[in-house]
Amino acid sequence: MNFKEIFSVTLILFSVIDILGSIPFVILIRQREGRIYAERATLIAAALMVAFLYLGQSILNLFGLDIGSFAVAGSIVMFIIAMEMILGITLIKDDPDAKGTGSIVPIAFPLIAGAGTLTTILSLRAVFEETDILIGIVVNSIFVYIVLRGSSWLERKIGKSGFVILRKVFGVILLSIAVKIFKTNIFLG
């Protein structure tokens, strides 16, 4: 266990997960669903990250997929979500039978444990010790839980007009991240 490596892994995952930048989207999902199940979303996202740490490459190989294809698919989902945020429209229709699943899809996956996060975890495994990566995942999961749990409070503090502005600004940022992931990985396959 190396504290410098733990700190590096934690910061890298923090920047990729970007839960602070996702606050407008989290609030949007909470408004649609009525509630965010912070515990469920955090546990599922953490489980996905840990599972991908150990099984990621094997899972992709099982389906004949490469990391680039996985990242491109995730970037397309992020692109659609960003367009919803920027344009104020709904492209992904709510499934009446899936009410209450917003904490899982799209919060836990692909927002928290999306293609960028999972691909980063595979990359980190080549450089850092597994224990240090696990600790980085746990630290980030705790922070994610705090932000998800405080989404109602954040919405009250931001206000309706502040939320609209933030949603559009972070929609553009999310769109840029999606395009970057797409552009970086489209030529790898």
N, C-alpha and C. Protein backbone atom coordinates (compact mmCIF):
# COMPACT_ATOMS: atom_id res chain seq x y z
N MET A 1 0.85 -1.18 0.00
CA MET A 1 0.00 0.00 0.00
C MET A 1 0.90 1.24 0.00
N ASN A 2 0.74 2.06 -1.03
CA ASN A 2 1.56 3.24 -1.21
C ASN A 2 0.63 4.46 -1.25
N PHE A 3 0.77 5.35 -0.26
CA PHE A 3 -0.14 6.49 -0.15
C PHE A 3 -0.06 7.44 -1.35
N LYS A 4 1.13 7.58 -1.91
CA LYS A 4 1.28 8.44 -3.09
C LYS A 4 0.50 7.84 -4.26
N GLU A 5 0.60 6.52 -4.45
CA GLU A 5 -0.15 5.86 -5.52
C GLU A 5 -1.65 5.91 -5.27
N ILE A 6 -2.06 5.71 -4.03
CA ILE A 6 -3.48 5.80 -3.68
C ILE A 6 -4.01 7.18 -4.01
N PHE A 7 -3.25 8.20 -3.65
CA PHE A 7 -3.65 9.58 -3.94
C PHE A 7 -3.75 9.80 -5.45
N SER A 8 -2.79 9.31 -6.21
CA SER A 8 -2.81 9.46 -7.67
C SER A 8 -4.02 8.77 -8.27
N VAL A 9 -4.25 7.52 -7.88
CA VAL A 9 -5.39 6.76 -8.39
C VAL A 9 -6.70 7.46 -8.05
N THR A 10 -6.81 7.92 -6.81
CA THR A 10 -8.03 8.60 -6.35
C THR A 10 -8.29 9.85 -7.18
N LEU A 11 -7.25 10.65 -7.43
CA LEU A 11 -7.42 11.87 -8.22
C LEU A 11 -7.77 11.57 -9.67
N ILE A 12 -7.14 10.55 -10.23
CA ILE A 12 -7.44 10.18 -11.62
C ILE A 12 -8.91 9.75 -11.73
N LEU A 13 -9.34 8.86 -10.84
CA LEU A 13 -10.73 8.40 -10.88
C LEU A 13 -11.71 9.54 -10.59
N PHE A 14 -11.33 10.44 -9.67
CA PHE A 14 -12.19 11.58 -9.35
C PHE A 14 -12.42 12.44 -10.58
N SER A 15 -11.37 12.67 -11.35
CA SER A 15 -11.52 13.52 -12.53
C SER A 15 -12.32 12.82 -13.63
N VAL A 16 -12.20 11.50 -13.74
CA VAL A 16 -12.93 10.77 -14.77
C VAL A 16 -14.40 10.61 -14.39
N ILE A 17 -14.66 10.27 -13.14
CA ILE A 17 -16.05 10.11 -12.67
C ILE A 17 -16.75 11.46 -12.71
N ASP A 18 -16.09 12.51 -12.28
CA ASP A 18 -16.59 13.89 -12.33
C ASP A 18 -18.00 14.03 -11.77
N ILE A 19 -18.19 13.55 -10.56
CA ILE A 19 -19.52 13.61 -9.94
C ILE A 19 -19.95 15.06 -9.69
N LEU A 20 -19.02 15.95 -9.44
CA LEU A 20 -19.39 17.36 -9.23
C LEU A 20 -19.93 17.96 -10.53
N GLY A 21 -19.31 17.64 -11.64
CA GLY A 21 -19.80 18.11 -12.93
C GLY A 21 -21.11 17.48 -13.33
N SER A 22 -21.43 16.35 -12.71
CA SER A 22 -22.67 15.63 -13.04
C SER A 22 -23.86 16.06 -12.18
N ILE A 23 -23.65 16.98 -11.26
CA ILE A 23 -24.73 17.39 -10.36
C ILE A 23 -25.99 17.83 -11.13
N PRO A 24 -25.89 18.65 -12.17
CA PRO A 24 -27.13 19.02 -12.89
C PRO A 24 -27.86 17.80 -13.46
N PHE A 25 -27.12 16.84 -13.95
CA PHE A 25 -27.75 15.63 -14.50
C PHE A 25 -28.38 14.80 -13.39
N VAL A 26 -27.71 14.69 -12.25
CA VAL A 26 -28.25 13.96 -11.10
C VAL A 26 -29.57 14.60 -10.65
N ILE A 27 -29.59 15.93 -10.60
CA ILE A 27 -30.81 16.64 -10.21
C ILE A 27 -31.92 16.40 -11.23
N LEU A 28 -31.57 16.41 -12.51
CA LEU A 28 -32.54 16.13 -13.56
C LEU A 28 -33.16 14.74 -13.40
N ILE A 29 -32.34 13.75 -13.13
CA ILE A 29 -32.84 12.38 -12.92
C ILE A 29 -33.71 12.33 -11.66
N ARG A 30 -33.28 13.02 -10.61
CA ARG A 30 -34.08 13.03 -9.37
C ARG A 30 -35.44 13.66 -9.61
N GLN A 31 -35.48 14.70 -10.44
CA GLN A 31 -36.76 15.33 -10.76
C GLN A 31 -37.66 14.38 -11.55
N ARG A 32 -37.07 13.64 -12.49
CA ARG A 32 -37.84 12.67 -13.29
C ARG A 32 -38.36 11.51 -12.44
N GLU A 33 -37.46 10.99 -11.59
CA GLU A 33 -37.76 9.78 -10.83
C GLU A 33 -38.47 10.07 -9.51
N GLY A 34 -38.31 11.29 -9.01
CA GLY A 34 -38.87 11.62 -7.71
C GLY A 34 -37.87 11.43 -6.58
N ARG A 35 -36.87 10.60 -6.83
CA ARG A 35 -35.87 10.33 -5.78
C ARG A 35 -34.68 9.61 -6.40
N ILE A 36 -33.51 9.84 -5.79
CA ILE A 36 -32.30 9.11 -6.15
C ILE A 36 -31.98 8.19 -4.98
N TYR A 37 -31.77 6.93 -5.27
CA TYR A 37 -31.38 5.97 -4.24
C TYR A 37 -29.86 5.97 -4.18
N ALA A 38 -29.32 6.86 -3.35
CA ALA A 38 -27.88 7.09 -3.29
C ALA A 38 -27.11 5.83 -2.92
N GLU A 39 -27.63 5.07 -1.94
CA GLU A 39 -26.93 3.86 -1.50
C GLU A 39 -26.85 2.85 -2.64
N ARG A 40 -28.00 2.62 -3.29
CA ARG A 40 -28.05 1.63 -4.38
C ARG A 40 -27.14 2.05 -5.53
N ALA A 41 -27.24 3.30 -5.95
CA ALA A 41 -26.42 3.77 -7.06
C ALA A 41 -24.93 3.65 -6.75
N THR A 42 -24.54 4.04 -5.54
CA THR A 42 -23.14 4.00 -5.15
C THR A 42 -22.63 2.57 -5.07
N LEU A 43 -23.40 1.68 -4.45
CA LEU A 43 -22.97 0.29 -4.32
C LEU A 43 -22.86 -0.40 -5.67
N ILE A 44 -23.83 -0.17 -6.56
CA ILE A 44 -23.78 -0.79 -7.88
C ILE A 44 -22.61 -0.25 -8.70
N ALA A 45 -22.40 1.07 -8.65
CA ALA A 45 -21.27 1.66 -9.37
C ALA A 45 -19.94 1.12 -8.83
N ALA A 46 -19.81 1.04 -7.51
CA ALA A 46 -18.58 0.52 -6.90
C ALA A 46 -18.38 -0.95 -7.28
N ALA A 47 -19.45 -1.72 -7.25
CA ALA A 47 -19.36 -3.14 -7.62
C ALA A 47 -18.93 -3.29 -9.08
N LEU A 48 -19.48 -2.45 -9.96
CA LEU A 48 -19.08 -2.49 -11.37
C LEU A 48 -17.61 -2.15 -11.53
N MET A 49 -17.14 -1.14 -10.81
CA MET A 49 -15.74 -0.75 -10.92
C MET A 49 -14.81 -1.85 -10.42
N VAL A 50 -15.16 -2.46 -9.27
CA VAL A 50 -14.33 -3.52 -8.72
C VAL A 50 -14.35 -4.74 -9.64
N ALA A 51 -15.54 -5.10 -10.12
CA ALA A 51 -15.65 -6.24 -11.04
C ALA A 51 -14.82 -6.00 -12.30
N PHE A 52 -14.88 -4.78 -12.81
CA PHE A 52 -14.12 -4.47 -14.02
C PHE A 52 -12.62 -4.46 -13.77
N LEU A 53 -12.22 -4.13 -12.54
CA LEU A 53 -10.81 -4.17 -12.19
C LEU A 53 -10.27 -5.59 -12.37
N TYR A 54 -11.05 -6.57 -11.93
CA TYR A 54 -10.60 -7.96 -11.98
C TYR A 54 -11.02 -8.71 -13.24
N LEU A 55 -12.19 -8.37 -13.79
CA LEU A 55 -12.74 -9.17 -14.89
C LEU A 55 -12.93 -8.40 -16.19
N GLY A 56 -12.62 -7.12 -16.20
CA GLY A 56 -12.92 -6.26 -17.35
C GLY A 56 -12.42 -6.77 -18.68
N GLN A 57 -11.15 -7.05 -18.74
CA GLN A 57 -10.57 -7.50 -20.00
C GLN A 57 -11.18 -8.84 -20.42
N SER A 58 -11.41 -9.73 -19.46
CA SER A 58 -12.00 -11.05 -19.75
C SER A 58 -13.43 -10.91 -20.26
N ILE A 59 -14.21 -9.99 -19.67
CA ILE A 59 -15.60 -9.78 -20.10
C ILE A 59 -15.62 -9.26 -21.53
N LEU A 60 -14.79 -8.29 -21.82
CA LEU A 60 -14.74 -7.75 -23.18
C LEU A 60 -14.30 -8.83 -24.17
N ASN A 61 -13.31 -9.61 -23.80
CA ASN A 61 -12.83 -10.69 -24.67
C ASN A 61 -13.92 -11.73 -24.91
N LEU A 62 -14.71 -12.03 -23.88
CA LEU A 62 -15.79 -13.01 -23.99
C LEU A 62 -16.77 -12.63 -25.09
N PHE A 63 -17.04 -11.35 -25.22
CA PHE A 63 -17.96 -10.86 -26.24
C PHE A 63 -17.25 -10.43 -27.52
N GLY A 64 -15.95 -10.66 -27.56
CA GLY A 64 -15.18 -10.29 -28.75
C GLY A 64 -15.05 -8.79 -28.92
N LEU A 65 -15.06 -8.06 -27.80
CA LEU A 65 -14.98 -6.60 -27.85
C LEU A 65 -13.60 -6.12 -27.41
N ASP A 66 -13.25 -4.97 -27.91
CA ASP A 66 -12.02 -4.33 -27.46
C ASP A 66 -12.39 -3.09 -26.65
N ILE A 67 -11.42 -2.56 -25.95
CA ILE A 67 -11.67 -1.39 -25.10
C ILE A 67 -12.17 -0.21 -25.93
N GLY A 68 -11.64 -0.03 -27.13
CA GLY A 68 -12.06 1.08 -27.99
C GLY A 68 -13.53 1.01 -28.33
N SER A 69 -14.03 -0.16 -28.68
CA SER A 69 -15.46 -0.32 -29.02
C SER A 69 -16.33 -0.02 -27.80
N PHE A 70 -15.90 -0.50 -26.64
CA PHE A 70 -16.63 -0.25 -25.39
C PHE A 70 -16.68 1.25 -25.10
N ALA A 71 -15.57 1.91 -25.27
CA ALA A 71 -15.50 3.35 -25.02
C ALA A 71 -16.36 4.13 -26.01
N VAL A 72 -16.37 3.73 -27.29
CA VAL A 72 -17.19 4.41 -28.30
C VAL A 72 -18.68 4.26 -27.95
N ALA A 73 -19.10 3.06 -27.57
CA ALA A 73 -20.50 2.84 -27.19
C ALA A 73 -20.89 3.73 -26.01
N GLY A 74 -20.02 3.80 -25.01
CA GLY A 74 -20.28 4.66 -23.86
C GLY A 74 -20.34 6.13 -24.25
N SER A 75 -19.49 6.52 -25.20
CA SER A 75 -19.48 7.94 -25.62
C SER A 75 -20.77 8.30 -26.34
N ILE A 76 -21.36 7.36 -27.06
CA ILE A 76 -22.62 7.64 -27.75
C ILE A 76 -23.74 7.86 -26.73
N VAL A 77 -23.78 7.04 -25.68
CA VAL A 77 -24.78 7.23 -24.62
C VAL A 77 -24.57 8.59 -23.95
N MET A 78 -23.31 8.94 -23.67
CA MET A 78 -23.02 10.23 -23.05
C MET A 78 -23.42 11.38 -23.99
N PHE A 79 -23.22 11.21 -25.29
CA PHE A 79 -23.60 12.21 -26.28
C PHE A 79 -25.10 12.48 -26.22
N ILE A 80 -25.89 11.42 -26.16
CA ILE A 80 -27.36 11.56 -26.11
C ILE A 80 -27.78 12.27 -24.84
N ILE A 81 -27.18 11.89 -23.71
CA ILE A 81 -27.51 12.53 -22.43
C ILE A 81 -27.14 14.02 -22.49
N ALA A 82 -25.99 14.33 -23.06
CA ALA A 82 -25.56 15.73 -23.18
C ALA A 82 -26.52 16.54 -24.04
N MET A 83 -26.98 15.96 -25.13
CA MET A 83 -27.94 16.65 -26.00
C MET A 83 -29.24 16.95 -25.25
N GLU A 84 -29.68 16.01 -24.43
CA GLU A 84 -30.87 16.26 -23.61
C GLU A 84 -30.64 17.45 -22.69
N MET A 85 -29.47 17.51 -22.06
CA MET A 85 -29.17 18.58 -21.12
C MET A 85 -29.09 19.93 -21.84
N ILE A 86 -28.46 19.98 -22.99
CA ILE A 86 -28.26 21.24 -23.71
C ILE A 86 -29.56 21.75 -24.32
N LEU A 87 -30.29 20.86 -24.97
CA LEU A 87 -31.49 21.27 -25.70
C LEU A 87 -32.76 21.27 -24.86
N GLY A 88 -32.69 20.70 -23.66
CA GLY A 88 -33.87 20.65 -22.80
C GLY A 88 -34.96 19.74 -23.35
N ILE A 89 -34.54 18.69 -24.07
CA ILE A 89 -35.50 17.74 -24.64
C ILE A 89 -35.27 16.37 -24.03
N THR A 90 -36.19 15.47 -24.27
CA THR A 90 -36.05 14.11 -23.79
C THR A 90 -35.93 13.18 -24.98
N LEU A 91 -34.76 12.63 -25.17
CA LEU A 91 -34.53 11.67 -26.24
C LEU A 91 -34.71 10.24 -25.75
N ILE A 92 -34.30 10.01 -24.50
CA ILE A 92 -34.46 8.70 -23.89
C ILE A 92 -35.78 8.72 -23.14
N LYS A 93 -36.78 8.04 -23.68
CA LYS A 93 -38.11 8.03 -23.09
C LYS A 93 -38.14 7.16 -21.85
N ASP A 94 -38.93 7.60 -20.87
CA ASP A 94 -39.09 6.83 -19.65
C ASP A 94 -39.93 5.59 -19.93
N ASP A 95 -39.47 4.46 -19.43
CA ASP A 95 -40.21 3.22 -19.52
C ASP A 95 -41.07 3.12 -18.26
N PRO A 96 -42.41 3.08 -18.40
CA PRO A 96 -43.26 3.06 -17.21
C PRO A 96 -42.95 1.87 -16.29
N ASP A 97 -42.50 0.77 -16.86
CA ASP A 97 -42.17 -0.41 -16.06
C ASP A 97 -40.83 -0.25 -15.35
N ALA A 98 -40.03 0.71 -15.78
CA ALA A 98 -38.69 0.89 -15.21
C ALA A 98 -38.64 2.05 -14.23
N LYS A 99 -39.78 2.56 -13.79
CA LYS A 99 -39.81 3.67 -12.84
C LYS A 99 -39.01 3.30 -11.59
N GLY A 100 -38.18 4.20 -11.15
CA GLY A 100 -37.37 3.95 -9.97
C GLY A 100 -36.01 3.33 -10.29
N THR A 101 -35.71 3.11 -11.56
CA THR A 101 -34.42 2.52 -11.92
C THR A 101 -33.39 3.58 -12.30
N GLY A 102 -33.76 4.85 -12.24
CA GLY A 102 -32.84 5.93 -12.62
C GLY A 102 -31.58 5.94 -11.79
N SER A 103 -31.65 5.39 -10.57
CA SER A 103 -30.46 5.32 -9.73
C SER A 103 -29.44 4.33 -10.30
N ILE A 104 -29.95 3.35 -11.05
CA ILE A 104 -29.06 2.35 -11.62
C ILE A 104 -28.63 2.79 -13.02
N VAL A 105 -29.60 2.97 -13.91
CA VAL A 105 -29.33 3.46 -15.27
C VAL A 105 -30.09 4.77 -15.40
N PRO A 106 -29.50 5.87 -15.60
CA PRO A 106 -28.12 6.12 -16.03
C PRO A 106 -27.18 6.59 -14.94
N ILE A 107 -27.59 6.62 -13.65
CA ILE A 107 -26.69 7.16 -12.61
C ILE A 107 -25.49 6.22 -12.37
N ALA A 108 -25.76 5.00 -11.88
CA ALA A 108 -24.64 4.09 -11.57
C ALA A 108 -23.86 3.75 -12.83
N PHE A 109 -24.61 3.46 -13.91
CA PHE A 109 -24.00 3.18 -15.20
C PHE A 109 -24.84 3.86 -16.25
N PRO A 110 -24.36 4.70 -17.10
CA PRO A 110 -22.95 4.97 -17.40
C PRO A 110 -22.39 6.23 -16.76
N LEU A 111 -23.15 6.95 -15.91
CA LEU A 111 -22.65 8.22 -15.41
C LEU A 111 -21.44 8.04 -14.48
N ILE A 112 -21.57 7.20 -13.46
CA ILE A 112 -20.47 7.02 -12.50
C ILE A 112 -19.49 5.97 -13.02
N ALA A 113 -19.99 4.78 -13.27
CA ALA A 113 -19.13 3.68 -13.74
C ALA A 113 -19.37 3.48 -15.23
N GLY A 114 -19.06 4.49 -16.00
CA GLY A 114 -19.26 4.43 -17.44
C GLY A 114 -18.02 3.94 -18.16
N ALA A 115 -18.08 4.05 -19.47
CA ALA A 115 -16.98 3.56 -20.31
C ALA A 115 -15.66 4.23 -19.95
N GLY A 116 -15.70 5.54 -19.71
CA GLY A 116 -14.48 6.26 -19.37
C GLY A 116 -13.88 5.76 -18.07
N THR A 117 -14.71 5.58 -17.05
CA THR A 117 -14.24 5.11 -15.75
C THR A 117 -13.71 3.69 -15.86
N LEU A 118 -14.47 2.81 -16.51
CA LEU A 118 -14.07 1.41 -16.60
C LEU A 118 -12.82 1.23 -17.46
N THR A 119 -12.71 2.00 -18.51
CA THR A 119 -11.50 1.95 -19.34
C THR A 119 -10.30 2.47 -18.56
N THR A 120 -10.52 3.53 -17.78
CA THR A 120 -9.45 4.09 -16.94
C THR A 120 -8.98 3.06 -15.92
N ILE A 121 -9.92 2.33 -15.33
CA ILE A 121 -9.56 1.30 -14.34
C ILE A 121 -8.68 0.23 -14.98
N LEU A 122 -9.02 -0.18 -16.20
CA LEU A 122 -8.16 -1.15 -16.91
C LEU A 122 -6.77 -0.57 -17.14
N SER A 123 -6.71 0.71 -17.49
CA SER A 123 -5.42 1.35 -17.73
C SER A 123 -4.62 1.48 -16.43
N LEU A 124 -5.30 1.82 -15.34
CA LEU A 124 -4.62 1.97 -14.05
C LEU A 124 -4.02 0.65 -13.59
N ARG A 125 -4.70 -0.44 -13.91
CA ARG A 125 -4.24 -1.76 -13.48
C ARG A 125 -2.84 -2.07 -14.04
N ALA A 126 -2.54 -1.51 -15.18
CA ALA A 126 -1.23 -1.74 -15.79
C ALA A 126 -0.12 -0.96 -15.08
N VAL A 127 -0.50 0.05 -14.28
CA VAL A 127 0.50 0.93 -13.68
C VAL A 127 0.55 0.81 -12.14
N PHE A 128 -0.60 0.64 -11.51
CA PHE A 128 -0.69 0.67 -10.05
C PHE A 128 -1.05 -0.70 -9.47
N GLU A 129 -0.80 -0.86 -8.17
CA GLU A 129 -1.16 -2.08 -7.45
C GLU A 129 -2.69 -2.15 -7.30
N GLU A 130 -3.21 -3.37 -7.34
CA GLU A 130 -4.66 -3.56 -7.22
C GLU A 130 -5.22 -2.99 -5.92
N THR A 131 -4.49 -3.17 -4.82
CA THR A 131 -4.94 -2.65 -3.52
C THR A 131 -5.09 -1.14 -3.56
N ASP A 132 -4.15 -0.45 -4.18
CA ASP A 132 -4.22 1.01 -4.28
C ASP A 132 -5.40 1.44 -5.13
N ILE A 133 -5.68 0.70 -6.20
CA ILE A 133 -6.84 1.01 -7.06
C ILE A 133 -8.13 0.78 -6.30
N LEU A 134 -8.19 -0.32 -5.54
CA LEU A 134 -9.39 -0.61 -4.73
C LEU A 134 -9.67 0.51 -3.73
N ILE A 135 -8.63 0.98 -3.07
CA ILE A 135 -8.79 2.07 -2.10
C ILE A 135 -9.26 3.34 -2.82
N GLY A 136 -8.70 3.62 -4.00
CA GLY A 136 -9.14 4.78 -4.79
C GLY A 136 -10.61 4.67 -5.18
N ILE A 137 -11.05 3.46 -5.52
CA ILE A 137 -12.47 3.23 -5.86
C ILE A 137 -13.35 3.49 -4.63
N VAL A 138 -12.93 3.00 -3.48
CA VAL A 138 -13.71 3.18 -2.24
C VAL A 138 -13.80 4.67 -1.88
N VAL A 139 -12.69 5.38 -1.93
CA VAL A 139 -12.69 6.82 -1.60
C VAL A 139 -13.63 7.58 -2.53
N ASN A 140 -13.54 7.29 -3.83
CA ASN A 140 -14.42 7.96 -4.79
C ASN A 140 -15.87 7.58 -4.57
N SER A 141 -16.13 6.34 -4.21
CA SER A 141 -17.50 5.90 -3.96
C SER A 141 -18.12 6.64 -2.78
N ILE A 142 -17.32 6.87 -1.74
CA ILE A 142 -17.81 7.63 -0.58
C ILE A 142 -18.18 9.05 -1.00
N PHE A 143 -17.33 9.67 -1.80
CA PHE A 143 -17.60 11.03 -2.26
C PHE A 143 -18.85 11.07 -3.15
N VAL A 144 -18.98 10.08 -4.04
CA VAL A 144 -20.16 9.98 -4.90
C VAL A 144 -21.42 9.87 -4.05
N TYR A 145 -21.37 9.03 -3.02
CA TYR A 145 -22.52 8.85 -2.13
C TYR A 145 -22.92 10.17 -1.49
N ILE A 146 -21.94 10.92 -1.00
CA ILE A 146 -22.23 12.21 -0.34
C ILE A 146 -22.91 13.16 -1.32
N VAL A 147 -22.42 13.24 -2.54
CA VAL A 147 -23.01 14.13 -3.55
C VAL A 147 -24.43 13.67 -3.91
N LEU A 148 -24.61 12.37 -4.15
CA LEU A 148 -25.95 11.87 -4.49
C LEU A 148 -26.92 12.09 -3.35
N ARG A 149 -26.47 11.84 -2.15
CA ARG A 149 -27.33 12.01 -0.97
C ARG A 149 -27.73 13.47 -0.79
N GLY A 150 -26.84 14.40 -1.15
CA GLY A 150 -27.10 15.82 -0.96
C GLY A 150 -27.72 16.50 -2.17
N SER A 151 -28.21 15.74 -3.16
CA SER A 151 -28.71 16.35 -4.39
C SER A 151 -29.92 17.26 -4.14
N SER A 152 -30.80 16.91 -3.20
CA SER A 152 -31.96 17.77 -2.90
C SER A 152 -31.50 19.10 -2.32
N TRP A 153 -30.56 19.03 -1.39
CA TRP A 153 -30.02 20.24 -0.77
C TRP A 153 -29.33 21.10 -1.83
N LEU A 154 -28.55 20.47 -2.71
CA LEU A 154 -27.86 21.21 -3.76
C LEU A 154 -28.85 21.89 -4.70
N GLU A 155 -29.93 21.20 -5.02
CA GLU A 155 -30.94 21.78 -5.90
C GLU A 155 -31.57 23.03 -5.27
N ARG A 156 -31.84 22.96 -3.98
CA ARG A 156 -32.42 24.13 -3.29
C ARG A 156 -31.44 25.30 -3.28
N LYS A 157 -30.17 25.01 -3.08
CA LYS A 157 -29.16 26.06 -3.02
C LYS A 157 -28.90 26.68 -4.39
N ILE A 158 -28.92 25.85 -5.43
CA ILE A 158 -28.65 26.33 -6.78
C ILE A 158 -29.83 27.14 -7.32
N GLY A 159 -31.05 26.70 -7.03
CA GLY A 159 -32.24 27.39 -7.53
C GLY A 159 -32.58 26.97 -8.95
N LYS A 160 -33.79 27.30 -9.37
CA LYS A 160 -34.29 26.87 -10.68
C LYS A 160 -33.48 27.47 -11.84
N SER A 161 -33.24 28.77 -11.83
CA SER A 161 -32.51 29.39 -12.93
C SER A 161 -31.03 28.97 -12.91
N GLY A 162 -30.46 28.85 -11.73
CA GLY A 162 -29.07 28.38 -11.63
C GLY A 162 -28.94 26.96 -12.15
N PHE A 163 -29.95 26.13 -11.87
CA PHE A 163 -29.95 24.75 -12.35
C PHE A 163 -30.00 24.70 -13.87
N VAL A 164 -30.82 25.54 -14.48
CA VAL A 164 -30.93 25.57 -15.95
C VAL A 164 -29.58 25.95 -16.56
N ILE A 165 -28.95 26.97 -16.00
CA ILE A 165 -27.64 27.42 -16.51
C ILE A 165 -26.60 26.31 -16.35
N LEU A 166 -26.53 25.73 -15.15
CA LEU A 166 -25.57 24.66 -14.90
C LEU A 166 -25.80 23.46 -15.81
N ARG A 167 -27.07 23.11 -16.01
CA ARG A 167 -27.40 21.96 -16.85
C ARG A 167 -26.87 22.18 -18.27
N LYS A 168 -27.03 23.38 -18.80
CA LYS A 168 -26.57 23.66 -20.17
C LYS A 168 -25.05 23.69 -20.24
N VAL A 169 -24.41 24.34 -19.26
CA VAL A 169 -22.95 24.42 -19.24
C VAL A 169 -22.35 23.03 -19.12
N PHE A 170 -22.85 22.24 -18.16
CA PHE A 170 -22.29 20.91 -17.97
C PHE A 170 -22.71 19.96 -19.09
N GLY A 171 -23.80 20.26 -19.75
CA GLY A 171 -24.20 19.50 -20.93
C GLY A 171 -23.16 19.66 -22.03
N VAL A 172 -22.69 20.88 -22.22
CA VAL A 172 -21.65 21.13 -23.23
C VAL A 172 -20.35 20.42 -22.83
N ILE A 173 -20.01 20.47 -21.54
CA ILE A 173 -18.80 19.78 -21.06
C ILE A 173 -18.94 18.27 -21.27
N LEU A 174 -20.10 17.71 -20.92
CA LEU A 174 -20.33 16.28 -21.11
C LEU A 174 -20.27 15.91 -22.59
N LEU A 175 -20.83 16.78 -23.43
CA LEU A 175 -20.78 16.57 -24.88
C LEU A 175 -19.32 16.55 -25.36
N SER A 176 -18.52 17.47 -24.85
CA SER A 176 -17.11 17.54 -25.22
C SER A 176 -16.36 16.28 -24.79
N ILE A 177 -16.66 15.79 -23.59
CA ILE A 177 -16.03 14.56 -23.11
C ILE A 177 -16.44 13.39 -24.00
N ALA A 178 -17.73 13.32 -24.36
CA ALA A 178 -18.22 12.24 -25.23
C ALA A 178 -17.52 12.28 -26.58
N VAL A 179 -17.38 13.46 -27.15
CA VAL A 179 -16.72 13.59 -28.45
C VAL A 179 -15.25 13.19 -28.33
N LYS A 180 -14.59 13.59 -27.25
CA LYS A 180 -13.19 13.24 -27.05
C LYS A 180 -13.02 11.73 -26.94
N ILE A 181 -13.88 11.07 -26.13
CA ILE A 181 -13.80 9.61 -25.99
C ILE A 181 -14.04 8.95 -27.34
N PHE A 182 -15.04 9.45 -28.08
CA PHE A 182 -15.35 8.90 -29.40
C PHE A 182 -14.17 9.05 -30.33
N LYS A 183 -13.65 10.28 -30.41
CA LYS A 183 -12.55 10.61 -31.33
C LYS A 183 -11.30 9.80 -31.01
N THR A 184 -11.01 9.64 -29.71
CA THR A 184 -9.82 8.92 -29.29
C THR A 184 -9.92 7.44 -29.62
N ASN A 185 -11.11 6.87 -29.54
CA ASN A 185 -11.27 5.42 -29.67
C ASN A 185 -11.81 4.94 -31.01
N ILE A 186 -12.33 5.81 -31.83
CA ILE A 186 -12.95 5.37 -33.09
C ILE A 186 -11.93 4.76 -34.04
N PHE A 187 -10.70 5.21 -33.99
CA PHE A 187 -9.70 4.73 -34.92
C PHE A 187 -8.88 3.56 -34.37
N LEU A 188 -9.16 3.17 -33.11
CA LEU A 188 -8.43 2.06 -32.51
C LEU A 188 -8.94 0.71 -32.99
N GLY A 189 -10.25 0.65 -33.38
CA GLY A 189 -10.85 -0.63 -33.79
C GLY A 189 -10.53 -0.88 -35.18
